[in-house]
Amino acid sequence: MIDFHTHTIFSDGELLPSELVRRAEEKGYRFIALTDHVDRSNFDFVIPRLLRCVAELNTVTSVRVLVGAEITHVPPRLIAPLVRDIRAIGAQLVVAHGETLVEPVSKGTNRAAIEAGVDILAHPGLIEPDEVKLAAEKGVYLEISSRKGHSLANGHVARLARLYGAKLLINTDSHSPSDLITLEFARKVGIAAGLSEEEVESVFEDAFNLAIRLIGKTNFREEFADV
């Protein structure tokens, strides 16, 4: 299992980073990204602390842990400079909190995040076709979510991603231990979103390739060949 969207006590998650990673390890995870909610007020507090913790965890766990951030409810015009600053401080990936159906996310967030070049647009809700096309052009991954509520638009996202060639990821948006899933359950989430079995396997392969790229080392490919 590869999961690029999780939360710890550094935002609204229930678990310390170490506990989240241990529980993911027990679930059979091979890669997990810690992507706590941030805006201008806290990104330079959260990310350095996660980086320090993860540097130690990656020496002793079977799960490869990445440090990211989820830009959350930031006004669209302020997203691009925050993306740049988050990358500059050392985050390995940037997730944007998309226009989910179950929260009052500002209209225009999806487009602003894609234009800013985030790595992943999380739960983008009823994303517009031209935004999906732009995501495909810019290499921004769109999320299929296993989280209650955010998953309501999975079918819409999957259909447009297929139409315009945008890449998908299946993430959990975990906030509590019960949110973590197995690889087999992730497969069911993808199929429930309307993807074929072959498309789901392609999503898994894309997730693996993204993880390798974010880590920046190709020698992990054989070590994690069973993801």
C-alpha atoms as a PDB file:
ATOM      1  CA  MET A   1       0.000   0.000   0.000  1.00  0.00           C
ATOM      2  CA  ILE A   2       1.187   3.499  -0.890  1.00  0.00           C
ATOM      3  CA  ASP A   3      -0.581   6.443   0.721  1.00  0.00           C
ATOM      4  CA  PHE A   4       0.304  10.066  -0.024  1.00  0.00           C
ATOM      5  CA  HIS A   5      -2.280  11.737   2.232  1.00  0.00           C
ATOM      6  CA  THR A   6      -2.340  11.308   6.027  1.00  0.00           C
ATOM      7  CA  HIS A   7      -2.505  13.499   9.130  1.00  0.00           C
ATOM      8  CA  THR A   8      -0.861  13.450  12.557  1.00  0.00           C
ATOM      9  CA  ILE A   9      -1.352  15.445  15.761  1.00  0.00           C
ATOM     10  CA  PHE A  10       0.483  18.293  14.045  1.00  0.00           C
ATOM     11  CA  SER A  11      -2.880  19.132  12.474  1.00  0.00           C
ATOM     12  CA  ASP A  12      -6.154  17.310  13.123  1.00  0.00           C
ATOM     13  CA  GLY A  13      -4.964  13.702  13.207  1.00  0.00           C
ATOM     14  CA  GLU A  14      -5.157  11.526  16.300  1.00  0.00           C
ATOM     15  CA  LEU A  15      -1.714   9.940  16.215  1.00  0.00           C
ATOM     16  CA  LEU A  16       1.885  10.934  16.728  1.00  0.00           C
ATOM     17  CA  PRO A  17       3.975  10.482  13.573  1.00  0.00           C
ATOM     18  CA  SER A  18       5.696   7.428  15.052  1.00  0.00           C
ATOM     19  CA  GLU A  19       2.399   5.762  15.931  1.00  0.00           C
ATOM     20  CA  LEU A  20       0.858   6.488  12.548  1.00  0.00           C
ATOM     21  CA  VAL A  21       3.889   4.995  10.820  1.00  0.00           C
ATOM     22  CA  ARG A  22       3.836   1.919  13.072  1.00  0.00           C
ATOM     23  CA  ARG A  23       0.151   1.321  12.399  1.00  0.00           C
ATOM     24  CA  ALA A  24       0.764   1.750   8.668  1.00  0.00           C
ATOM     25  CA  GLU A  25       3.610  -0.739   8.891  1.00  0.00           C
ATOM     26  CA  GLU A  26       1.273  -3.240  10.541  1.00  0.00           C
ATOM     27  CA  LYS A  27      -1.218  -2.731   7.677  1.00  0.00           C
ATOM     28  CA  GLY A  28       1.437  -3.679   5.160  1.00  0.00           C
ATOM     29  CA  TYR A  29       2.240  -0.177   3.911  1.00  0.00           C
ATOM     30  CA  ARG A  30       5.475   0.357   1.999  1.00  0.00           C
ATOM     31  CA  PHE A  31       5.289   4.132   1.551  1.00  0.00           C
ATOM     32  CA  ILE A  32       3.389   6.731   3.545  1.00  0.00           C
ATOM     33  CA  ALA A  33       3.428  10.525   3.349  1.00  0.00           C
ATOM     34  CA  LEU A  34       2.673  12.686   6.371  1.00  0.00           C
ATOM     35  CA  THR A  35       0.763  15.652   4.965  1.00  0.00           C
ATOM     36  CA  ASP A  36      -0.624  17.715   7.800  1.00  0.00           C
ATOM     37  CA  HIS A  37      -2.905  20.669   7.115  1.00  0.00           C
ATOM     38  CA  VAL A  38      -1.018  23.927   6.714  1.00  0.00           C
ATOM     39  CA  ASP A  39      -1.480  27.535   5.776  1.00  0.00           C
ATOM     40  CA  ARG A  40       0.839  30.542   6.153  1.00  0.00           C
ATOM     41  CA  SER A  41       0.519  30.405   9.948  1.00  0.00           C
ATOM     42  CA  ASN A  42       2.043  26.997  10.632  1.00  0.00           C
ATOM     43  CA  PHE A  43       3.888  25.473   7.656  1.00  0.00           C
ATOM     44  CA  ASP A  44       7.301  26.527   8.995  1.00  0.00           C
ATOM     45  CA  PHE A  45       6.466  24.947  12.351  1.00  0.00           C
ATOM     46  CA  VAL A  46       5.043  21.636  11.142  1.00  0.00           C
ATOM     47  CA  ILE A  47       7.365  20.641   8.329  1.00  0.00           C
ATOM     48  CA  PRO A  48      10.750  20.943  10.138  1.00  0.00           C
ATOM     49  CA  ARG A  49       9.456  18.851  13.028  1.00  0.00           C
ATOM     50  CA  LEU A  50       8.148  16.151  10.753  1.00  0.00           C
ATOM     51  CA  LEU A  51      11.423  16.143   8.828  1.00  0.00           C
ATOM     52  CA  ARG A  52      13.393  15.635  12.036  1.00  0.00           C
ATOM     53  CA  CYS A  53      11.165  12.788  13.198  1.00  0.00           C
ATOM     54  CA  VAL A  54      11.008  11.086   9.809  1.00  0.00           C
ATOM     55  CA  ALA A  55      14.781  11.168   9.372  1.00  0.00           C
ATOM     56  CA  GLU A  56      15.013   8.849  12.374  1.00  0.00           C
ATOM     57  CA  LEU A  57      12.020   6.691  11.496  1.00  0.00           C
ATOM     58  CA  ASN A  58      13.375   5.930   8.052  1.00  0.00           C
ATOM     59  CA  THR A  59      16.448   4.305   9.592  1.00  0.00           C
ATOM     60  CA  VAL A  60      14.447   1.695  11.495  1.00  0.00           C
ATOM     61  CA  THR A  61      11.053   1.055   9.855  1.00  0.00           C
ATOM     62  CA  SER A  62      10.071  -1.058   6.879  1.00  0.00           C
ATOM     63  CA  VAL A  63       7.780   1.771   5.747  1.00  0.00           C
ATOM     64  CA  ARG A  64       9.448   4.513   3.757  1.00  0.00           C
ATOM     65  CA  VAL A  65       8.084   7.785   5.149  1.00  0.00           C
ATOM     66  CA  LEU A  66       7.864  11.042   3.202  1.00  0.00           C
ATOM     67  CA  VAL A  67       7.168  14.519   4.528  1.00  0.00           C
ATOM     68  CA  GLY A  68       4.638  16.705   2.800  1.00  0.00           C
ATOM     69  CA  ALA A  69       1.919  19.194   3.586  1.00  0.00           C
ATOM     70  CA  GLU A  70      -1.703  19.729   2.642  1.00  0.00           C
ATOM     71  CA  ILE A  71      -2.511  23.353   1.845  1.00  0.00           C
ATOM     72  CA  THR A  72      -5.970  23.710   3.350  1.00  0.00           C
ATOM     73  CA  HIS A  73      -8.653  26.385   2.819  1.00  0.00           C
ATOM     74  CA  VAL A  74      -6.043  28.888   1.669  1.00  0.00           C
ATOM     75  CA  PRO A  75      -7.557  31.551  -0.629  1.00  0.00           C
ATOM     76  CA  PRO A  76      -6.799  30.675  -4.250  1.00  0.00           C
ATOM     77  CA  ARG A  77      -4.644  33.761  -4.885  1.00  0.00           C
ATOM     78  CA  LEU A  78      -2.371  32.814  -1.982  1.00  0.00           C
ATOM     79  CA  ILE A  79      -1.738  29.203  -2.951  1.00  0.00           C
ATOM     80  CA  ALA A  80       1.141  29.612  -5.426  1.00  0.00           C
ATOM     81  CA  PRO A  81       3.538  31.513  -3.125  1.00  0.00           C
ATOM     82  CA  LEU A  82       2.793  29.086  -0.295  1.00  0.00           C
ATOM     83  CA  VAL A  83       3.594  26.119  -2.549  1.00  0.00           C
ATOM     84  CA  ARG A  84       6.984  27.667  -3.283  1.00  0.00           C
ATOM     85  CA  ASP A  85       7.733  28.284   0.390  1.00  0.00           C
ATOM     86  CA  ILE A  86       6.679  24.789   1.429  1.00  0.00           C
ATOM     87  CA  ARG A  87       9.030  23.264  -1.118  1.00  0.00           C
ATOM     88  CA  ALA A  88      11.832  25.611  -0.075  1.00  0.00           C
ATOM     89  CA  ILE A  89      11.607  24.496   3.550  1.00  0.00           C
ATOM     90  CA  GLY A  90      12.155  20.867   2.581  1.00  0.00           C
ATOM     91  CA  ALA A  91       8.796  19.182   2.020  1.00  0.00           C
ATOM     92  CA  GLN A  92       9.008  16.313  -0.459  1.00  0.00           C
ATOM     93  CA  LEU A  93       5.489  16.774  -1.779  1.00  0.00           C
ATOM     94  CA  VAL A  94       2.679  19.311  -1.698  1.00  0.00           C
ATOM     95  CA  VAL A  95      -0.976  18.319  -1.540  1.00  0.00           C
ATOM     96  CA  ALA A  96      -3.801  20.810  -2.024  1.00  0.00           C
ATOM     97  CA  HIS A  97      -7.125  20.425  -0.250  1.00  0.00           C
ATOM     98  CA  GLY A  98      -9.466  20.400  -3.230  1.00  0.00           C
ATOM     99  CA  GLU A  99     -13.071  21.482  -3.627  1.00  0.00           C
ATOM    100  CA  THR A 100     -14.631  18.534  -1.827  1.00  0.00           C
ATOM    101  CA  LEU A 101     -18.412  18.373  -1.721  1.00  0.00           C
ATOM    102  CA  VAL A 102     -18.495  18.279   2.083  1.00  0.00           C
ATOM    103  CA  GLU A 103     -16.560  21.436   2.987  1.00  0.00           C
ATOM    104  CA  PRO A 104     -16.890  25.113   1.957  1.00  0.00           C
ATOM    105  CA  VAL A 105     -13.660  25.263  -0.037  1.00  0.00           C
ATOM    106  CA  SER A 106     -13.311  28.492  -2.013  1.00  0.00           C
ATOM    107  CA  LYS A 107     -14.301  28.249  -5.659  1.00  0.00           C
ATOM    108  CA  GLY A 108     -11.194  28.413  -7.788  1.00  0.00           C
ATOM    109  CA  THR A 109      -9.040  26.391  -5.381  1.00  0.00           C
ATOM    110  CA  ASN A 110      -8.752  23.421  -7.739  1.00  0.00           C
ATOM    111  CA  ARG A 111      -7.525  25.555 -10.626  1.00  0.00           C
ATOM    112  CA  ALA A 112      -5.183  27.657  -8.500  1.00  0.00           C
ATOM    113  CA  ALA A 113      -3.584  24.547  -7.004  1.00  0.00           C
ATOM    114  CA  ILE A 114      -3.087  22.924 -10.391  1.00  0.00           C
ATOM    115  CA  GLU A 115      -1.632  26.116 -11.853  1.00  0.00           C
ATOM    116  CA  ALA A 116       0.706  26.368  -8.853  1.00  0.00           C
ATOM    117  CA  GLY A 117       2.054  22.892  -9.634  1.00  0.00           C
ATOM    118  CA  VAL A 118       1.109  20.972  -6.519  1.00  0.00           C
ATOM    119  CA  ASP A 119       1.905  17.278  -6.645  1.00  0.00           C
ATOM    120  CA  ILE A 120      -1.573  16.071  -5.669  1.00  0.00           C
ATOM    121  CA  LEU A 121      -5.012  17.659  -5.748  1.00  0.00           C
ATOM    122  CA  ALA A 122      -6.908  15.914  -2.965  1.00  0.00           C
ATOM    123  CA  HIS A 123     -10.630  15.134  -3.157  1.00  0.00           C
ATOM    124  CA  PRO A 124     -11.311  17.674  -5.933  1.00  0.00           C
ATOM    125  CA  GLY A 125     -15.091  17.226  -5.858  1.00  0.00           C
ATOM    126  CA  LEU A 126     -16.948  18.225  -9.019  1.00  0.00           C
ATOM    127  CA  ILE A 127     -13.785  19.336 -10.742  1.00  0.00           C
ATOM    128  CA  GLU A 128     -14.314  20.937 -14.156  1.00  0.00           C
ATOM    129  CA  PRO A 129     -13.227  19.153 -17.348  1.00  0.00           C
ATOM    130  CA  ASP A 130     -10.803  21.929 -18.314  1.00  0.00           C
ATOM    131  CA  GLU A 131      -9.186  21.659 -14.876  1.00  0.00           C
ATOM    132  CA  VAL A 132      -8.701  17.920 -15.309  1.00  0.00           C
ATOM    133  CA  LYS A 133      -7.177  18.556 -18.722  1.00  0.00           C
ATOM    134  CA  LEU A 134      -4.817  21.121 -17.154  1.00  0.00           C
ATOM    135  CA  ALA A 135      -3.880  18.649 -14.408  1.00  0.00           C
ATOM    136  CA  ALA A 136      -2.972  16.098 -17.076  1.00  0.00           C
ATOM    137  CA  GLU A 137      -0.824  18.661 -18.888  1.00  0.00           C
ATOM    138  CA  LYS A 138       0.984  19.753 -15.722  1.00  0.00           C
ATOM    139  CA  GLY A 139       1.429  16.287 -14.235  1.00  0.00           C
ATOM    140  CA  VAL A 140      -0.735  16.954 -11.178  1.00  0.00           C
ATOM    141  CA  TYR A 141      -2.230  13.780  -9.693  1.00  0.00           C
ATOM    142  CA  LEU A 142      -5.919  13.713  -8.822  1.00  0.00           C
ATOM    143  CA  GLU A 143      -7.046  11.840  -5.735  1.00  0.00           C
ATOM    144  CA  ILE A 144      -9.532   9.018  -5.406  1.00  0.00           C
ATOM    145  CA  SER A 145     -10.305   9.110  -1.694  1.00  0.00           C
ATOM    146  CA  SER A 146     -11.278   6.299   0.648  1.00  0.00           C
ATOM    147  CA  ARG A 147     -12.423   8.839   3.252  1.00  0.00           C
ATOM    148  CA  LYS A 148     -16.108   9.192   4.043  1.00  0.00           C
ATOM    149  CA  GLY A 149     -17.631  12.276   2.452  1.00  0.00           C
ATOM    150  CA  HIS A 150     -14.626  13.144   0.339  1.00  0.00           C
ATOM    151  CA  SER A 151     -15.242   9.955  -1.633  1.00  0.00           C
ATOM    152  CA  LEU A 152     -18.632  11.126  -2.912  1.00  0.00           C
ATOM    153  CA  ALA A 153     -17.183  12.506  -6.155  1.00  0.00           C
ATOM    154  CA  ASN A 154     -14.741   9.644  -6.835  1.00  0.00           C
ATOM    155  CA  GLY A 155     -16.705   8.445  -9.862  1.00  0.00           C
ATOM    156  CA  HIS A 156     -16.786  11.926 -11.395  1.00  0.00           C
ATOM    157  CA  VAL A 157     -13.040  12.362 -10.882  1.00  0.00           C
ATOM    158  CA  ALA A 158     -12.222   8.929 -12.305  1.00  0.00           C
ATOM    159  CA  ARG A 159     -14.406   9.445 -15.363  1.00  0.00           C
ATOM    160  CA  LEU A 160     -12.834  12.782 -16.290  1.00  0.00           C
ATOM    161  CA  ALA A 161      -9.332  11.537 -15.531  1.00  0.00           C
ATOM    162  CA  ARG A 162      -9.860   8.692 -17.996  1.00  0.00           C
ATOM    163  CA  LEU A 163     -11.241  11.101 -20.598  1.00  0.00           C
ATOM    164  CA  TYR A 164      -8.371  13.597 -20.395  1.00  0.00           C
ATOM    165  CA  GLY A 165      -5.485  11.349 -19.392  1.00  0.00           C
ATOM    166  CA  ALA A 166      -4.925  12.710 -15.883  1.00  0.00           C
ATOM    167  CA  LYS A 167      -3.121  10.471 -13.411  1.00  0.00           C
ATOM    168  CA  LEU A 168      -4.921   9.208 -10.317  1.00  0.00           C
ATOM    169  CA  LEU A 169      -3.886   8.123  -6.844  1.00  0.00           C
ATOM    170  CA  ILE A 170      -5.897   6.221  -4.234  1.00  0.00           C
ATOM    171  CA  ASN A 171      -5.260   7.821  -0.828  1.00  0.00           C
ATOM    172  CA  THR A 172      -6.857   7.525   2.599  1.00  0.00           C
ATOM    173  CA  ASP A 173      -6.703  11.059   4.045  1.00  0.00           C
ATOM    174  CA  SER A 174      -6.201   9.218   7.339  1.00  0.00           C
ATOM    175  CA  HIS A 175      -6.914  11.080  10.557  1.00  0.00           C
ATOM    176  CA  SER A 176      -7.378   8.084  12.858  1.00  0.00           C
ATOM    177  CA  PRO A 177      -6.143   4.469  12.999  1.00  0.00           C
ATOM    178  CA  SER A 178      -9.345   3.131  11.467  1.00  0.00           C
ATOM    179  CA  ASP A 179      -8.801   5.233   8.336  1.00  0.00           C
ATOM    180  CA  LEU A 180      -5.761   3.240   7.212  1.00  0.00           C
ATOM    181  CA  ILE A 181      -6.568   0.591   4.610  1.00  0.00           C
ATOM    182  CA  THR A 182      -5.017  -2.454   3.031  1.00  0.00           C
ATOM    183  CA  LEU A 183      -3.911  -2.711  -0.574  1.00  0.00           C
ATOM    184  CA  GLU A 184      -6.875  -4.977  -1.281  1.00  0.00           C
ATOM    185  CA  PHE A 185      -9.325  -2.422   0.085  1.00  0.00           C
ATOM    186  CA  ALA A 186      -7.654   0.308  -1.973  1.00  0.00           C
ATOM    187  CA  ARG A 187      -8.279  -1.883  -5.016  1.00  0.00           C
ATOM    188  CA  LYS A 188     -11.977  -2.044  -4.110  1.00  0.00           C
ATOM    189  CA  VAL A 189     -12.124   1.749  -3.723  1.00  0.00           C
ATOM    190  CA  GLY A 190     -10.730   2.140  -7.225  1.00  0.00           C
ATOM    191  CA  ILE A 191     -13.161  -0.328  -8.739  1.00  0.00           C
ATOM    192  CA  ALA A 192     -16.061   1.321  -6.886  1.00  0.00           C
ATOM    193  CA  ALA A 193     -15.031   4.621  -8.488  1.00  0.00           C
ATOM    194  CA  GLY A 194     -15.562   3.043 -11.894  1.00  0.00           C
ATOM    195  CA  LEU A 195     -12.021   2.011 -12.737  1.00  0.00           C
ATOM    196  CA  SER A 196     -11.326  -1.345 -14.316  1.00  0.00           C
ATOM    197  CA  GLU A 197      -9.021  -3.814 -12.608  1.00  0.00           C
ATOM    198  CA  GLU A 198      -6.344  -2.945 -15.164  1.00  0.00           C
ATOM    199  CA  GLU A 199      -6.764   0.771 -14.501  1.00  0.00           C
ATOM    200  CA  VAL A 200      -6.469   0.214 -10.754  1.00  0.00           C
ATOM    201  CA  GLU A 201      -3.204  -1.649 -11.245  1.00  0.00           C
ATOM    202  CA  SER A 202      -1.985   1.246 -13.400  1.00  0.00           C
ATOM    203  CA  VAL A 203      -2.868   3.639 -10.569  1.00  0.00           C
ATOM    204  CA  PHE A 204      -0.792   1.519  -8.176  1.00  0.00           C
ATOM    205  CA  GLU A 205       2.126   1.565 -10.612  1.00  0.00           C
ATOM    206  CA  ASP A 206       1.873   5.342 -10.957  1.00  0.00           C
ATOM    207  CA  ALA A 207       1.884   5.662  -7.161  1.00  0.00           C
ATOM    208  CA  PHE A 208       5.021   3.558  -6.954  1.00  0.00           C
ATOM    209  CA  ASN A 209       6.771   5.607  -9.620  1.00  0.00           C
ATOM    210  CA  LEU A 210       5.804   8.833  -7.860  1.00  0.00           C
ATOM    211  CA  ALA A 211       7.170   7.549  -4.559  1.00  0.00           C
ATOM    212  CA  ILE A 212      10.461   6.623  -6.194  1.00  0.00           C
ATOM    213  CA  ARG A 213      10.690  10.047  -7.842  1.00  0.00           C
ATOM    214  CA  LEU A 214       9.949  11.882  -4.603  1.00  0.00           C
ATOM    215  CA  ILE A 215      12.555   9.904  -2.717  1.00  0.00           C
ATOM    216  CA  GLY A 216      15.008  10.608  -5.517  1.00  0.00           C
ATOM    217  CA  LYS A 217      16.667   7.222  -5.450  1.00  0.00           C
ATOM    218  CA  THR A 218      16.128   4.382  -7.900  1.00  0.00           C
ATOM    219  CA  ASN A 219      17.706   1.692  -5.734  1.00  0.00           C
ATOM    220  CA  PHE A 220      14.457   1.363  -3.769  1.00  0.00           C
ATOM    221  CA  ARG A 221      12.713  -0.169  -6.765  1.00  0.00           C
ATOM    222  CA  GLU A 222      13.725  -3.776  -6.047  1.00  0.00           C
ATOM    223  CA  GLU A 223      13.373  -3.378  -2.286  1.00  0.00           C
ATOM    224  CA  PHE A 224       9.768  -2.277  -2.613  1.00  0.00           C
ATOM    225  CA  ALA A 225       8.765  -4.355  -5.625  1.00  0.00           C
ATOM    226  CA  ASP A 226       5.882  -5.944  -3.703  1.00  0.00           C
ATOM    227  CA  VAL A 227       3.901  -2.763  -3.060  1.00  0.00           C
END
